[in-house]
Amino acid sequence: MAEVAPAPAAAPAKAPKKKTSKPKKAGPSLSELIVKSVAASKERSGVSAAALKKALAAGGYDVDKNKARVNTAIKSLLTKGTLVHTKGTGAAGSFKMSKTTEIIFFCCQFLKNI
């Protein structure tokens, strides 16, 4: 009689690894920081990109490490219409708040203070 070898046991199915997302960082986003620093400026001609980066650095943001992120945030605020160019193109030049955004921003600030 021929001995029949037992069938090899099927390998247990591996459970797919769950991706753990990093917790969202507390505090305002970069776009909000940019809007606040532009709104705080009292200059009629707006804020230059260099002055904006200095203001972010003074607020504790690492601008040297995140140059590309700052530039893309400025460009996205320009395309949304939150910021308006006074000089230059792209993420370079001077920026100021658009009229509609300026009104909304200051109304929200006023209502928070009440």
Protein backbone atom coordinates (compact mmCIF):
# COMPACT_ATOMS: atom_id res chain seq x y z
CA MET A 1 0.00 0.00 0.00
CA ALA A 2 1.34 3.32 -0.96
CA GLU A 3 1.37 5.86 1.72
CA VAL A 4 -0.32 9.07 0.75
CA ALA A 5 1.48 12.18 1.90
CA PRO A 6 -0.77 14.67 3.64
CA ALA A 7 -1.59 17.74 1.57
CA PRO A 8 0.52 20.72 2.54
CA ALA A 9 -1.35 23.18 4.73
CA ALA A 10 -2.33 26.36 2.97
CA ALA A 11 -0.36 29.36 4.13
CA PRO A 12 -2.46 31.65 6.29
CA ALA A 13 -3.66 34.70 4.42
CA LYS A 14 -1.81 37.82 5.45
CA ALA A 15 -3.96 40.65 6.61
CA PRO A 16 -3.33 43.79 4.59
CA LYS A 17 -1.38 46.38 6.51
CA LYS A 18 -3.43 49.33 7.58
CA LYS A 19 -1.96 52.65 6.64
CA THR A 20 -1.64 54.90 9.61
CA SER A 21 -1.94 58.52 8.73
CA LYS A 22 -0.01 61.12 10.62
CA PRO A 23 -2.06 63.18 13.00
CA LYS A 24 -2.91 66.60 11.67
CA LYS A 25 -0.67 69.31 13.02
CA ALA A 26 -2.30 71.67 15.46
CA GLY A 27 -2.38 75.33 14.61
CA PRO A 28 -3.24 77.39 11.55
CA SER A 29 -2.41 76.28 8.04
CA LEU A 30 0.24 78.02 5.97
CA SER A 31 -2.41 79.76 3.86
CA GLU A 32 -4.01 81.19 6.99
CA LEU A 33 -0.63 82.43 8.23
CA ILE A 34 0.01 84.16 4.92
CA VAL A 35 -3.42 85.79 4.87
CA LYS A 36 -2.98 87.03 8.45
CA SER A 37 0.43 88.53 7.75
CA VAL A 38 -0.79 90.26 4.58
CA ALA A 39 -3.87 91.56 6.40
CA ALA A 40 -1.73 92.87 9.26
CA SER A 41 0.32 94.95 6.85
CA LYS A 42 -0.71 98.59 6.67
CA GLU A 43 1.20 99.30 3.47
CA ARG A 44 -0.91 100.52 0.61
CA SER A 45 1.18 98.78 -2.04
CA GLY A 46 0.97 95.39 -0.31
CA VAL A 47 3.61 93.05 1.09
CA SER A 48 6.58 91.79 -0.90
CA ALA A 49 7.31 88.08 -1.05
CA ALA A 50 10.56 88.58 0.85
CA ALA A 51 8.81 90.53 3.62
CA LEU A 52 6.13 87.85 3.75
CA LYS A 53 8.74 85.13 4.21
CA LYS A 54 10.44 87.19 6.93
CA ALA A 55 7.13 87.56 8.74
CA LEU A 56 6.53 83.81 8.55
CA ALA A 57 10.03 83.13 9.88
CA ALA A 58 9.44 85.57 12.74
CA GLY A 59 6.26 83.66 13.56
CA GLY A 60 8.21 80.44 13.95
CA TYR A 61 7.71 78.85 10.52
CA ASP A 62 10.80 77.27 8.95
CA VAL A 63 10.82 79.04 5.58
CA ASP A 64 14.21 77.75 4.45
CA LYS A 65 13.06 74.15 4.78
CA ASN A 66 9.66 74.75 3.16
CA LYS A 67 10.36 77.22 0.34
CA ALA A 68 8.40 75.26 -2.23
CA ARG A 69 5.43 74.90 0.12
CA VAL A 70 5.37 78.65 0.75
CA ASN A 71 5.51 79.41 -2.98
CA THR A 72 2.72 76.97 -3.83
CA ALA A 73 0.57 78.38 -1.01
CA ILE A 74 1.04 81.89 -2.39
CA LYS A 75 0.18 80.72 -5.91
CA SER A 76 -2.94 78.90 -4.71
CA LEU A 77 -4.10 81.99 -2.81
CA LEU A 78 -3.61 84.01 -5.99
CA THR A 79 -5.66 81.59 -8.10
CA LYS A 80 -8.43 81.47 -5.48
CA GLY A 81 -8.60 85.24 -5.53
CA THR A 82 -7.71 85.72 -1.87
CA LEU A 83 -4.54 87.63 -2.74
CA VAL A 84 -3.99 90.05 -5.60
CA HIS A 85 -0.70 90.95 -7.31
CA THR A 86 0.42 94.54 -7.11
CA LYS A 87 3.82 93.83 -8.69
CA GLY A 88 5.48 90.80 -10.25
CA THR A 89 4.23 87.41 -11.42
CA GLY A 90 3.83 83.98 -9.86
CA ALA A 91 4.98 83.71 -6.27
CA ALA A 92 7.30 86.73 -6.66
CA GLY A 93 6.45 90.38 -6.28
CA SER A 94 4.07 92.16 -3.94
CA PHE A 95 0.65 91.02 -2.76
CA LYS A 96 -2.34 92.50 -1.04
CA MET A 97 -5.73 91.22 -0.04
CA SER A 98 -8.50 91.35 -2.61
CA LYS A 99 -11.33 93.73 -1.71
CA THR A 100 -13.93 91.01 -1.08
CA THR A 101 -11.58 88.90 1.01
CA GLU A 102 -10.47 91.94 2.97
CA ILE A 103 -14.07 92.77 3.90
CA ILE A 104 -14.83 89.18 4.90
CA PHE A 105 -11.60 88.84 6.89
CA PHE A 106 -12.12 92.01 8.91
CA CYS A 107 -15.80 91.25 9.55
CA CYS A 108 -14.84 87.83 10.94
CA GLN A 109 -12.16 89.41 13.12
CA PHE A 110 -14.67 91.96 14.39
CA LEU A 111 -17.25 89.29 15.21
CA LYS A 112 -14.65 87.21 17.09
CA ASN A 113 -13.87 90.21 19.30
CA ILE A 114 -17.51 90.72 20.30
